[in-house]
Amino acid sequence: MNGQDVTGIDAVMLNFSPTSLQVLNAVLAIVMFSIAIDLKLADFNRLIRAPKSLLTGLFSQFLILPALTFCIVLITTPPPSIALGLMLVAACPGGNISNFITYRAGGNAALSVSMTAFATVIAIFLTPFNIALWGSLYAPTRAILRETSIDPVSVAVTVGIMLVLPLCLGVLLNMKRPDVTARLRTPLQFLSMGIFVAFVVLALAANWTLFLQFAGAVALLVLLHNAVALGGGYVTATVMGLSRFDRRAVMIETGIQNSGLGLILIFGFFSGLGGMAVVAAFWGIWHAISGILLAIYLARSKVT
C-alpha cells in the first residue's frame, strides 16, 4: 500500500467550499429525519426490556469494528491519511441505508432502525472518543491528530446537531402526527438517499482528477474493510447467541457506516485531507453496493 499510486496523498487537500459543507449538513439531517419518522417510543421501550440484541449491535459497532480496523491498519500499513480515514469511518454510527438493506435481507428491520437510533445518540460521545483513541495508538495517524488539534467537544456538537436533533424531531412528529409520517415515509427515504448520492457525486466532480488518481489505491482496502465489518458483525452476533433474524440486522448495521457524517468531519476538522476524503467517498459508494448484493443473497432464505 505504499506504492506509487498513493505517493503524495497525505499532502492532498480536496476542494470543498463552506457552502457545500452546509448543504451536506442539511442533506444528512434530512436523511436522519427520514429514519426517525419510522420510530416510536414503544420501539425503544421494547428494546430496553429485552436489550441483548441491541447491546450486541452497539458493542459490535463501537468496539469490535474499530478494533478490527486497527488490526487492518497494522497489517496493511497504508499511508497515514488513508489509515485515519478507515479509523474515522469505523468510528461513525451505522448508515441510514442499513435499515432498508436489513428489511430487504429478511432481517429484523425494527432492531436495525433502533440500533441506528441508539448508535446515533451515543455517537455524540463514542465517535470522537474512538477517533482520538485509535488514531493516537498508531504513530503515523497520531501525528495527523496533533497537527489538526481536533477538539472532541466540537466533534460531539457537530454529531449532535447533524444526527440527534433530526432524530428527535422525526420521533416527535411520528408520535404527534402518524398520518403525516405515513405519507412521508417512503418518498422521503428515497428522496433523501437520491439527494445524498447526487450531492456526493457533484461534490467529487470538483476533485474528479484527484479522486480517480487515488481511488484505485484505496479500493482494495475499502473492500477488505467492509468485508471485515460485515463478518465481524455476524461473528459477534453468533457468539452472543442471537437468532439468525437478529444476526442479519447486527451484521448489516456493523457493515454499513454513516460515510456522510464521515465526510462532514473530514472537511470540517481535517480540511478535506485527501486520503481520508477518498476513503469516506469510496465507502459511501461501495457499502451500498455490497449491502444490496448481500440483501439479494440473504433474501433467498427466510429466517425468524
C-alpha atoms as a PDB file:
ATOM      1  CA  MET A   1       0.000   0.000   0.000  1.00  0.00           C
ATOM      2  CA  ASN A   2       2.995   2.303  -0.002  1.00  0.00           C
ATOM      3  CA  GLY A   3       3.496   2.199  -3.780  1.00  0.00           C
ATOM      4  CA  GLN A   4       3.474   4.898  -6.382  1.00  0.00           C
ATOM      5  CA  ASP A   5      -0.328   5.105  -6.560  1.00  0.00           C
ATOM      6  CA  VAL A   6      -0.532   6.767  -3.170  1.00  0.00           C
ATOM      7  CA  THR A   7       2.543   8.957  -3.336  1.00  0.00           C
ATOM      8  CA  GLY A   8       1.633  12.385  -2.031  1.00  0.00           C
ATOM      9  CA  ILE A   9      -1.906  11.513  -0.928  1.00  0.00           C
ATOM     10  CA  ASP A  10      -1.184  12.642   2.648  1.00  0.00           C
ATOM     11  CA  ALA A  11      -0.442  16.159   1.379  1.00  0.00           C
ATOM     12  CA  VAL A  12      -3.535  16.459  -0.857  1.00  0.00           C
ATOM     13  CA  MET A  13      -6.421  18.624   0.332  1.00  0.00           C
ATOM     14  CA  LEU A  14      -9.655  18.260  -1.624  1.00  0.00           C
ATOM     15  CA  ASN A  15     -11.655  21.376  -2.506  1.00  0.00           C
ATOM     16  CA  PHE A  16     -14.907  21.682  -0.597  1.00  0.00           C
ATOM     17  CA  SER A  17     -16.466  25.102  -0.084  1.00  0.00           C
ATOM     18  CA  PRO A  18     -18.174  26.175   3.162  1.00  0.00           C
ATOM     19  CA  THR A  19     -21.447  26.356   1.219  1.00  0.00           C
ATOM     20  CA  SER A  20     -21.033  22.772   0.050  1.00  0.00           C
ATOM     21  CA  LEU A  21     -20.389  21.677   3.620  1.00  0.00           C
ATOM     22  CA  GLN A  22     -23.567  23.401   4.802  1.00  0.00           C
ATOM     23  CA  VAL A  23     -25.531  21.676   2.049  1.00  0.00           C
ATOM     24  CA  LEU A  24     -24.070  18.310   3.074  1.00  0.00           C
ATOM     25  CA  ASN A  25     -25.045  19.020   6.686  1.00  0.00           C
ATOM     26  CA  ALA A  26     -28.621  19.722   5.585  1.00  0.00           C
ATOM     27  CA  VAL A  27     -28.760  16.594   3.411  1.00  0.00           C
ATOM     28  CA  LEU A  28     -27.531  14.415   6.275  1.00  0.00           C
ATOM     29  CA  ALA A  29     -30.107  15.951   8.610  1.00  0.00           C
ATOM     30  CA  ILE A  30     -32.879  15.116   6.100  1.00  0.00           C
ATOM     31  CA  VAL A  31     -31.589  11.558   5.812  1.00  0.00           C
ATOM     32  CA  MET A  32     -31.679  11.121   9.607  1.00  0.00           C
ATOM     33  CA  PHE A  33     -35.157  12.655   9.794  1.00  0.00           C
ATOM     34  CA  SER A  34     -36.366  10.106   7.223  1.00  0.00           C
ATOM     35  CA  ILE A  35     -35.140   7.310   9.522  1.00  0.00           C
ATOM     36  CA  ALA A  36     -36.642   8.837  12.659  1.00  0.00           C
ATOM     37  CA  ILE A  37     -40.197   9.002  11.324  1.00  0.00           C
ATOM     38  CA  ASP A  38     -40.178   5.196  11.413  1.00  0.00           C
ATOM     39  CA  LEU A  39     -39.645   5.224  15.175  1.00  0.00           C
ATOM     40  CA  LYS A  40     -41.961   5.322  18.163  1.00  0.00           C
ATOM     41  CA  LEU A  41     -41.143   5.425  21.851  1.00  0.00           C
ATOM     42  CA  ALA A  42     -42.558   1.897  22.065  1.00  0.00           C
ATOM     43  CA  ASP A  43     -39.683   0.680  19.888  1.00  0.00           C
ATOM     44  CA  PHE A  44     -37.202   1.934  22.462  1.00  0.00           C
ATOM     45  CA  ASN A  45     -39.196   0.565  25.400  1.00  0.00           C
ATOM     46  CA  ARG A  46     -39.323  -2.897  23.822  1.00  0.00           C
ATOM     47  CA  LEU A  47     -35.586  -2.992  23.374  1.00  0.00           C
ATOM     48  CA  ILE A  48     -34.923  -1.655  26.868  1.00  0.00           C
ATOM     49  CA  ARG A  49     -36.938  -4.578  28.261  1.00  0.00           C
ATOM     50  CA  ALA A  50     -35.023  -7.078  26.089  1.00  0.00           C
ATOM     51  CA  PRO A  51     -31.725  -5.329  25.366  1.00  0.00           C
ATOM     52  CA  LYS A  52     -29.433  -8.228  24.420  1.00  0.00           C
ATOM     53  CA  SER A  53     -29.698  -7.814  20.641  1.00  0.00           C
ATOM     54  CA  LEU A  54     -29.411  -4.034  20.827  1.00  0.00           C
ATOM     55  CA  LEU A  55     -26.392  -4.105  23.140  1.00  0.00           C
ATOM     56  CA  THR A  56     -24.726  -6.715  20.928  1.00  0.00           C
ATOM     57  CA  GLY A  57     -25.201  -4.454  17.908  1.00  0.00           C
ATOM     58  CA  LEU A  58     -23.784  -1.423  19.687  1.00  0.00           C
ATOM     59  CA  PHE A  59     -20.853  -3.465  21.021  1.00  0.00           C
ATOM     60  CA  SER A  60     -20.106  -4.691  17.500  1.00  0.00           C
ATOM     61  CA  GLN A  61     -20.465  -1.188  16.053  1.00  0.00           C
ATOM     62  CA  PHE A  62     -18.394   0.825  18.508  1.00  0.00           C
ATOM     63  CA  LEU A  63     -15.844  -1.646  19.859  1.00  0.00           C
ATOM     64  CA  ILE A  64     -15.393  -4.658  17.565  1.00  0.00           C
ATOM     65  CA  LEU A  65     -15.330  -2.689  14.293  1.00  0.00           C
ATOM     66  CA  PRO A  66     -12.804  -0.031  15.448  1.00  0.00           C
ATOM     67  CA  ALA A  67     -10.593  -2.783  16.907  1.00  0.00           C
ATOM     68  CA  LEU A  68     -10.730  -4.813  13.676  1.00  0.00           C
ATOM     69  CA  THR A  69      -9.993  -1.648  11.703  1.00  0.00           C
ATOM     70  CA  PHE A  70      -6.926  -1.004  13.820  1.00  0.00           C
ATOM     71  CA  CYS A  71      -5.727  -4.550  13.077  1.00  0.00           C
ATOM     72  CA  ILE A  72      -6.218  -3.959   9.333  1.00  0.00           C
ATOM     73  CA  VAL A  73      -4.137  -0.780   9.574  1.00  0.00           C
ATOM     74  CA  LEU A  74      -1.356  -2.560  11.460  1.00  0.00           C
ATOM     75  CA  ILE A  75      -1.241  -5.387   8.907  1.00  0.00           C
ATOM     76  CA  THR A  76      -1.509  -3.331   5.689  1.00  0.00           C
ATOM     77  CA  THR A  77       0.328  -0.166   6.887  1.00  0.00           C
ATOM     78  CA  PRO A  78      -1.397   2.262   4.485  1.00  0.00           C
ATOM     79  CA  PRO A  79      -0.367   5.941   4.257  1.00  0.00           C
ATOM     80  CA  PRO A  80      -1.390   7.860   7.400  1.00  0.00           C
ATOM     81  CA  SER A  81      -4.310   9.782   5.866  1.00  0.00           C
ATOM     82  CA  ILE A  82      -5.828   6.567   4.460  1.00  0.00           C
ATOM     83  CA  ALA A  83      -5.334   4.806   7.807  1.00  0.00           C
ATOM     84  CA  LEU A  84      -7.046   7.637   9.677  1.00  0.00           C
ATOM     85  CA  GLY A  85      -9.840   7.640   7.092  1.00  0.00           C
ATOM     86  CA  LEU A  86     -10.527   3.971   7.809  1.00  0.00           C
ATOM     87  CA  MET A  87     -10.479   4.652  11.555  1.00  0.00           C
ATOM     88  CA  LEU A  88     -12.831   7.603  11.209  1.00  0.00           C
ATOM     89  CA  VAL A  89     -15.334   5.666   9.095  1.00  0.00           C
ATOM     90  CA  ALA A  90     -15.259   2.860  11.675  1.00  0.00           C
ATOM     91  CA  ALA A  91     -15.924   5.383  14.445  1.00  0.00           C
ATOM     92  CA  CYS A  92     -19.128   6.647  12.804  1.00  0.00           C
ATOM     93  CA  PRO A  93     -22.542   5.179  13.656  1.00  0.00           C
ATOM     94  CA  GLY A  94     -24.399   2.907  11.244  1.00  0.00           C
ATOM     95  CA  GLY A  95     -25.573   4.343   7.948  1.00  0.00           C
ATOM     96  CA  ASN A  96     -29.210   5.013   7.198  1.00  0.00           C
ATOM     97  CA  ILE A  97     -29.460   2.563   4.295  1.00  0.00           C
ATOM     98  CA  SER A  98     -28.750  -0.267   6.760  1.00  0.00           C
ATOM     99  CA  ASN A  99     -32.443  -0.222   7.691  1.00  0.00           C
ATOM    100  CA  PHE A 100     -33.580  -0.613   4.078  1.00  0.00           C
ATOM    101  CA  ILE A 101     -30.971  -3.311   3.390  1.00  0.00           C
ATOM    102  CA  THR A 102     -31.849  -5.252   6.558  1.00  0.00           C
ATOM    103  CA  TYR A 103     -35.515  -5.254   5.564  1.00  0.00           C
ATOM    104  CA  ARG A 104     -34.665  -6.488   2.047  1.00  0.00           C
ATOM    105  CA  ALA A 105     -32.328  -9.127   3.502  1.00  0.00           C
ATOM    106  CA  GLY A 106     -35.115 -10.588   5.642  1.00  0.00           C
ATOM    107  CA  GLY A 107     -33.530  -9.485   8.903  1.00  0.00           C
ATOM    108  CA  ASN A 108     -35.005  -7.733  11.935  1.00  0.00           C
ATOM    109  CA  ALA A 109     -35.708  -4.302  10.471  1.00  0.00           C
ATOM    110  CA  ALA A 110     -37.166  -2.973  13.736  1.00  0.00           C
ATOM    111  CA  LEU A 111     -33.933  -3.887  15.518  1.00  0.00           C
ATOM    112  CA  SER A 112     -31.931  -2.255  12.718  1.00  0.00           C
ATOM    113  CA  VAL A 113     -33.835   1.025  12.982  1.00  0.00           C
ATOM    114  CA  SER A 114     -33.484   1.047  16.754  1.00  0.00           C
ATOM    115  CA  MET A 115     -29.756   0.272  16.559  1.00  0.00           C
ATOM    116  CA  THR A 116     -29.326   3.187  14.163  1.00  0.00           C
ATOM    117  CA  ALA A 117     -31.229   5.448  16.539  1.00  0.00           C
ATOM    118  CA  PHE A 118     -29.340   4.423  19.678  1.00  0.00           C
ATOM    119  CA  ALA A 119     -25.991   4.445  17.857  1.00  0.00           C
ATOM    120  CA  THR A 120     -26.735   7.941  16.582  1.00  0.00           C
ATOM    121  CA  VAL A 121     -27.327   9.209  20.119  1.00  0.00           C
ATOM    122  CA  ILE A 122     -24.264   7.627  21.716  1.00  0.00           C
ATOM    123  CA  ALA A 123     -22.121   8.596  18.715  1.00  0.00           C
ATOM    124  CA  ILE A 124     -22.046  12.080  20.264  1.00  0.00           C
ATOM    125  CA  PHE A 125     -19.594  10.642  22.774  1.00  0.00           C
ATOM    126  CA  LEU A 126     -18.176   7.499  21.170  1.00  0.00           C
ATOM    127  CA  THR A 127     -17.357   8.817  17.682  1.00  0.00           C
ATOM    128  CA  PRO A 128     -14.880  11.497  18.876  1.00  0.00           C
ATOM    129  CA  PHE A 129     -13.625   9.094  21.561  1.00  0.00           C
ATOM    130  CA  ASN A 130     -12.874   6.327  19.037  1.00  0.00           C
ATOM    131  CA  ILE A 131     -11.214   8.712  16.578  1.00  0.00           C
ATOM    132  CA  ALA A 132      -8.961  10.049  19.329  1.00  0.00           C
ATOM    133  CA  LEU A 133      -8.257   6.635  20.906  1.00  0.00           C
ATOM    134  CA  TRP A 134      -7.443   4.519  17.862  1.00  0.00           C
ATOM    135  CA  GLY A 135      -5.813   7.368  15.969  1.00  0.00           C
ATOM    136  CA  SER A 136      -3.457   8.032  18.870  1.00  0.00           C
ATOM    137  CA  LEU A 137      -2.434   4.367  19.143  1.00  0.00           C
ATOM    138  CA  TYR A 138      -0.868   4.377  15.666  1.00  0.00           C
ATOM    139  CA  ALA A 139       2.142   6.699  15.372  1.00  0.00           C
ATOM    140  CA  PRO A 140       1.543   7.973  11.774  1.00  0.00           C
ATOM    141  CA  THR A 141      -2.108   8.887  12.471  1.00  0.00           C
ATOM    142  CA  ARG A 142      -1.190  10.300  15.875  1.00  0.00           C
ATOM    143  CA  ALA A 143       0.928  12.861  14.032  1.00  0.00           C
ATOM    144  CA  ILE A 144      -2.105  13.942  11.944  1.00  0.00           C
ATOM    145  CA  LEU A 145      -4.246  14.308  15.048  1.00  0.00           C
ATOM    146  CA  ARG A 146      -1.596  16.503  16.635  1.00  0.00           C
ATOM    147  CA  GLU A 147      -1.389  18.736  13.563  1.00  0.00           C
ATOM    148  CA  THR A 148      -5.160  19.187  13.292  1.00  0.00           C
ATOM    149  CA  SER A 149      -5.726  19.627  17.046  1.00  0.00           C
ATOM    150  CA  ILE A 150      -9.165  18.054  16.711  1.00  0.00           C
ATOM    151  CA  ASP A 151     -11.476  19.043  19.543  1.00  0.00           C
ATOM    152  CA  PRO A 152     -13.657  16.117  20.723  1.00  0.00           C
ATOM    153  CA  VAL A 153     -16.244  18.548  22.083  1.00  0.00           C
ATOM    154  CA  SER A 154     -16.598  20.240  18.689  1.00  0.00           C
ATOM    155  CA  VAL A 155     -16.985  16.838  17.028  1.00  0.00           C
ATOM    156  CA  ALA A 156     -19.643  15.904  19.594  1.00  0.00           C
ATOM    157  CA  VAL A 157     -21.556  19.126  18.923  1.00  0.00           C
ATOM    158  CA  THR A 158     -21.400  18.525  15.160  1.00  0.00           C
ATOM    159  CA  VAL A 159     -22.641  14.952  15.539  1.00  0.00           C
ATOM    160  CA  GLY A 160     -25.398  16.054  17.892  1.00  0.00           C
ATOM    161  CA  ILE A 161     -26.729  18.779  15.613  1.00  0.00           C
ATOM    162  CA  MET A 162     -26.465  16.715  12.414  1.00  0.00           C
ATOM    163  CA  LEU A 163     -27.867  13.458  13.776  1.00  0.00           C
ATOM    164  CA  VAL A 164     -29.620  13.679  17.119  1.00  0.00           C
ATOM    165  CA  LEU A 165     -31.721  16.809  16.513  1.00  0.00           C
ATOM    166  CA  PRO A 166     -33.404  15.498  13.327  1.00  0.00           C
ATOM    167  CA  LEU A 167     -33.803  12.117  15.040  1.00  0.00           C
ATOM    168  CA  CYS A 168     -35.722  13.690  17.939  1.00  0.00           C
ATOM    169  CA  LEU A 169     -37.846  15.797  15.588  1.00  0.00           C
ATOM    170  CA  GLY A 170     -38.727  12.743  13.499  1.00  0.00           C
ATOM    171  CA  VAL A 171     -39.773  10.679  16.511  1.00  0.00           C
ATOM    172  CA  LEU A 172     -41.833  13.599  17.826  1.00  0.00           C
ATOM    173  CA  LEU A 173     -43.633  14.019  14.503  1.00  0.00           C
ATOM    174  CA  ASN A 174     -44.366  10.293  14.349  1.00  0.00           C
ATOM    175  CA  MET A 175     -45.886  10.461  17.833  1.00  0.00           C
ATOM    176  CA  LYS A 176     -47.998  13.557  17.183  1.00  0.00           C
ATOM    177  CA  ARG A 177     -48.963  13.074  13.533  1.00  0.00           C
ATOM    178  CA  PRO A 178     -48.567   9.444  12.431  1.00  0.00           C
ATOM    179  CA  ASP A 179     -50.844  10.161   9.469  1.00  0.00           C
ATOM    180  CA  VAL A 180     -48.305  12.664   8.133  1.00  0.00           C
ATOM    181  CA  THR A 181     -45.319  10.366   8.668  1.00  0.00           C
ATOM    182  CA  ALA A 182     -47.152   7.509   6.941  1.00  0.00           C
ATOM    183  CA  ARG A 183     -47.423   9.636   3.791  1.00  0.00           C
ATOM    184  CA  LEU A 184     -43.866  10.960   4.056  1.00  0.00           C
ATOM    185  CA  ARG A 185     -42.049   7.750   4.938  1.00  0.00           C
ATOM    186  CA  THR A 186     -41.361   6.031   1.624  1.00  0.00           C
ATOM    187  CA  PRO A 187     -40.961   9.065  -0.669  1.00  0.00           C
ATOM    188  CA  LEU A 188     -38.753  10.870   1.870  1.00  0.00           C
ATOM    189  CA  GLN A 189     -36.436   7.879   2.268  1.00  0.00           C
ATOM    190  CA  PHE A 190     -35.934   7.517  -1.473  1.00  0.00           C
ATOM    191  CA  LEU A 191     -35.647  11.286  -1.941  1.00  0.00           C
ATOM    192  CA  SER A 192     -33.092  11.706   0.839  1.00  0.00           C
ATOM    193  CA  MET A 193     -30.918   8.885  -0.486  1.00  0.00           C
ATOM    194  CA  GLY A 194     -31.160  10.238  -4.031  1.00  0.00           C
ATOM    195  CA  ILE A 195     -30.172  13.728  -2.880  1.00  0.00           C
ATOM    196  CA  PHE A 196     -27.252  12.380  -0.852  1.00  0.00           C
ATOM    197  CA  VAL A 197     -25.862  10.269  -3.698  1.00  0.00           C
ATOM    198  CA  ALA A 198     -26.278  13.137  -6.182  1.00  0.00           C
ATOM    199  CA  PHE A 199     -24.573  15.557  -3.800  1.00  0.00           C
ATOM    200  CA  VAL A 200     -21.580  13.290  -3.231  1.00  0.00           C
ATOM    201  CA  VAL A 201     -21.168  12.817  -6.991  1.00  0.00           C
ATOM    202  CA  LEU A 202     -21.409  16.550  -7.681  1.00  0.00           C
ATOM    203  CA  ALA A 203     -19.099  17.451  -4.807  1.00  0.00           C
ATOM    204  CA  LEU A 204     -16.498  14.992  -6.054  1.00  0.00           C
ATOM    205  CA  ALA A 205     -16.742  16.409  -9.586  1.00  0.00           C
ATOM    206  CA  ALA A 206     -14.621  19.386  -8.496  1.00  0.00           C
ATOM    207  CA  ASN A 207     -11.929  16.946  -7.387  1.00  0.00           C
ATOM    208  CA  TRP A 208     -12.534  14.266 -10.001  1.00  0.00           C
ATOM    209  CA  THR A 209      -8.942  14.047 -11.240  1.00  0.00           C
ATOM    210  CA  LEU A 210      -7.628  13.586  -7.712  1.00  0.00           C
ATOM    211  CA  PHE A 211     -10.388  11.126  -6.853  1.00  0.00           C
ATOM    212  CA  LEU A 212      -9.612   8.975  -9.893  1.00  0.00           C
ATOM    213  CA  GLN A 213      -5.894   9.210  -9.162  1.00  0.00           C
ATOM    214  CA  PHE A 214      -6.244   7.814  -5.660  1.00  0.00           C
ATOM    215  CA  ALA A 215      -9.496   5.774  -5.686  1.00  0.00           C
ATOM    216  CA  GLY A 216      -7.707   2.724  -7.042  1.00  0.00           C
ATOM    217  CA  ALA A 217      -5.218   2.883  -4.212  1.00  0.00           C
ATOM    218  CA  VAL A 218      -7.935   2.678  -1.546  1.00  0.00           C
ATOM    219  CA  ALA A 219     -10.361   0.375  -3.383  1.00  0.00           C
ATOM    220  CA  LEU A 220      -8.977  -2.940  -2.127  1.00  0.00           C
ATOM    221  CA  LEU A 221      -8.609  -1.581   1.404  1.00  0.00           C
ATOM    222  CA  VAL A 222     -12.213  -0.356   1.468  1.00  0.00           C
ATOM    223  CA  LEU A 223     -13.481  -3.691   0.090  1.00  0.00           C
ATOM    224  CA  LEU A 224     -11.454  -5.550   2.727  1.00  0.00           C
ATOM    225  CA  HIS A 225     -12.590  -3.186   5.477  1.00  0.00           C
ATOM    226  CA  ASN A 226     -16.252  -3.548   4.526  1.00  0.00           C
ATOM    227  CA  ALA A 227     -15.999  -7.357   4.332  1.00  0.00           C
ATOM    228  CA  VAL A 228     -14.307  -7.496   7.747  1.00  0.00           C
ATOM    229  CA  ALA A 229     -17.008  -5.197   9.187  1.00  0.00           C
ATOM    230  CA  LEU A 230     -19.822  -7.425   7.901  1.00  0.00           C
ATOM    231  CA  GLY A 231     -18.038 -10.581   9.040  1.00  0.00           C
ATOM    232  CA  GLY A 232     -17.197  -9.102  12.424  1.00  0.00           C
ATOM    233  CA  GLY A 233     -20.819  -8.144  12.993  1.00  0.00           C
ATOM    234  CA  TYR A 234     -22.060 -11.616  12.064  1.00  0.00           C
ATOM    235  CA  VAL A 235     -19.491 -13.412  14.232  1.00  0.00           C
ATOM    236  CA  THR A 236     -20.194 -11.154  17.204  1.00  0.00           C
ATOM    237  CA  ALA A 237     -23.942 -11.756  16.937  1.00  0.00           C
ATOM    238  CA  THR A 238     -23.370 -15.511  16.588  1.00  0.00           C
ATOM    239  CA  VAL A 239     -21.077 -15.693  19.625  1.00  0.00           C
ATOM    240  CA  MET A 240     -23.705 -13.796  21.631  1.00  0.00           C
ATOM    241  CA  GLY A 241     -26.302 -16.411  20.692  1.00  0.00           C
ATOM    242  CA  LEU A 242     -28.654 -14.143  18.748  1.00  0.00           C
ATOM    243  CA  SER A 243     -31.220 -15.597  16.390  1.00  0.00           C
ATOM    244  CA  ARG A 244     -30.452 -15.656  12.672  1.00  0.00           C
ATOM    245  CA  PHE A 245     -33.157 -12.984  12.291  1.00  0.00           C
ATOM    246  CA  ASP A 246     -31.258 -10.635  14.614  1.00  0.00           C
ATOM    247  CA  ARG A 247     -27.830 -11.687  13.326  1.00  0.00           C
ATOM    248  CA  ARG A 248     -28.620 -10.281   9.926  1.00  0.00           C
ATOM    249  CA  ALA A 249     -29.535  -6.918  11.428  1.00  0.00           C
ATOM    250  CA  VAL A 250     -26.350  -6.715  13.531  1.00  0.00           C
ATOM    251  CA  MET A 251     -24.150  -7.803  10.622  1.00  0.00           C
ATOM    252  CA  ILE A 252     -25.590  -5.203   8.250  1.00  0.00           C
ATOM    253  CA  GLU A 253     -25.609  -2.440  10.851  1.00  0.00           C
ATOM    254  CA  THR A 254     -21.907  -3.066  11.521  1.00  0.00           C
ATOM    255  CA  GLY A 255     -21.033  -3.170   7.817  1.00  0.00           C
ATOM    256  CA  ILE A 256     -22.973  -0.072   6.725  1.00  0.00           C
ATOM    257  CA  GLN A 257     -21.350   3.120   8.010  1.00  0.00           C
ATOM    258  CA  ASN A 258     -22.556   6.722   8.006  1.00  0.00           C
ATOM    259  CA  SER A 259     -19.999   7.907   5.458  1.00  0.00           C
ATOM    260  CA  GLY A 260     -21.917  11.188   5.085  1.00  0.00           C
ATOM    261  CA  LEU A 261     -21.072  12.060   8.671  1.00  0.00           C
ATOM    262  CA  GLY A 262     -17.534  10.935   7.955  1.00  0.00           C
ATOM    263  CA  LEU A 263     -17.249  13.416   5.094  1.00  0.00           C
ATOM    264  CA  ILE A 264     -18.604  16.230   7.254  1.00  0.00           C
ATOM    265  CA  LEU A 265     -15.999  15.521   9.932  1.00  0.00           C
ATOM    266  CA  ILE A 266     -13.212  15.212   7.357  1.00  0.00           C
ATOM    267  CA  PHE A 267     -13.980  18.519   5.673  1.00  0.00           C
ATOM    268  CA  GLY A 268     -14.939  20.267   8.894  1.00  0.00           C
ATOM    269  CA  PHE A 269     -11.996  19.186  11.060  1.00  0.00           C
ATOM    270  CA  PHE A 270      -9.317  17.776   8.731  1.00  0.00           C
ATOM    271  CA  SER A 271      -9.536  20.322   5.871  1.00  0.00           C
ATOM    272  CA  GLY A 272     -10.521  17.670   3.335  1.00  0.00           C
ATOM    273  CA  LEU A 273      -7.358  15.606   3.810  1.00  0.00           C
ATOM    274  CA  GLY A 274      -7.007  13.594   0.603  1.00  0.00           C
ATOM    275  CA  GLY A 275      -6.661  10.029   1.855  1.00  0.00           C
ATOM    276  CA  MET A 276      -9.438  10.421   4.417  1.00  0.00           C
ATOM    277  CA  ALA A 277     -11.860  12.001   1.950  1.00  0.00           C
ATOM    278  CA  VAL A 278     -11.260   9.393  -0.764  1.00  0.00           C
ATOM    279  CA  VAL A 279     -11.755   6.562   1.751  1.00  0.00           C
ATOM    280  CA  ALA A 280     -15.042   8.020   3.018  1.00  0.00           C
ATOM    281  CA  ALA A 281     -16.302   8.753  -0.509  1.00  0.00           C
ATOM    282  CA  PHE A 282     -15.413   5.261  -1.754  1.00  0.00           C
ATOM    283  CA  TRP A 283     -17.029   3.751   1.354  1.00  0.00           C
ATOM    284  CA  GLY A 284     -20.210   5.699   0.587  1.00  0.00           C
ATOM    285  CA  ILE A 285     -20.361   4.095  -2.841  1.00  0.00           C
ATOM    286  CA  TRP A 286     -19.189   0.580  -2.040  1.00  0.00           C
ATOM    287  CA  HIS A 287     -21.148  -0.179   1.140  1.00  0.00           C
ATOM    288  CA  ALA A 288     -24.395   0.490  -0.722  1.00  0.00           C
ATOM    289  CA  ILE A 289     -23.378  -1.923  -3.489  1.00  0.00           C
ATOM    290  CA  SER A 290     -22.151  -4.650  -1.134  1.00  0.00           C
ATOM    291  CA  GLY A 291     -25.196  -4.232   1.112  1.00  0.00           C
ATOM    292  CA  ILE A 292     -27.669  -4.574  -1.747  1.00  0.00           C
ATOM    293  CA  LEU A 293     -25.844  -7.638  -3.149  1.00  0.00           C
ATOM    294  CA  LEU A 294     -25.812  -9.192   0.321  1.00  0.00           C
ATOM    295  CA  ALA A 295     -29.537  -8.484   0.757  1.00  0.00           C
ATOM    296  CA  ILE A 296     -30.328 -10.178  -2.571  1.00  0.00           C
ATOM    297  CA  TYR A 297     -28.368 -13.247  -1.489  1.00  0.00           C
ATOM    298  CA  LEU A 298     -29.837 -13.441   2.037  1.00  0.00           C
ATOM    299  CA  ALA A 299     -33.397 -12.861   0.848  1.00  0.00           C
ATOM    300  CA  ARG A 300     -33.295 -16.281  -0.806  1.00  0.00           C
ATOM    301  CA  SER A 301     -33.686 -17.860   2.624  1.00  0.00           C
ATOM    302  CA  LYS A 302     -36.185 -16.704   5.264  1.00  0.00           C
ATOM    303  CA  VAL A 303     -35.273 -16.660   8.944  1.00  0.00           C
ATOM    304  CA  THR A 304     -37.132 -15.948  12.187  1.00  0.00           C
END
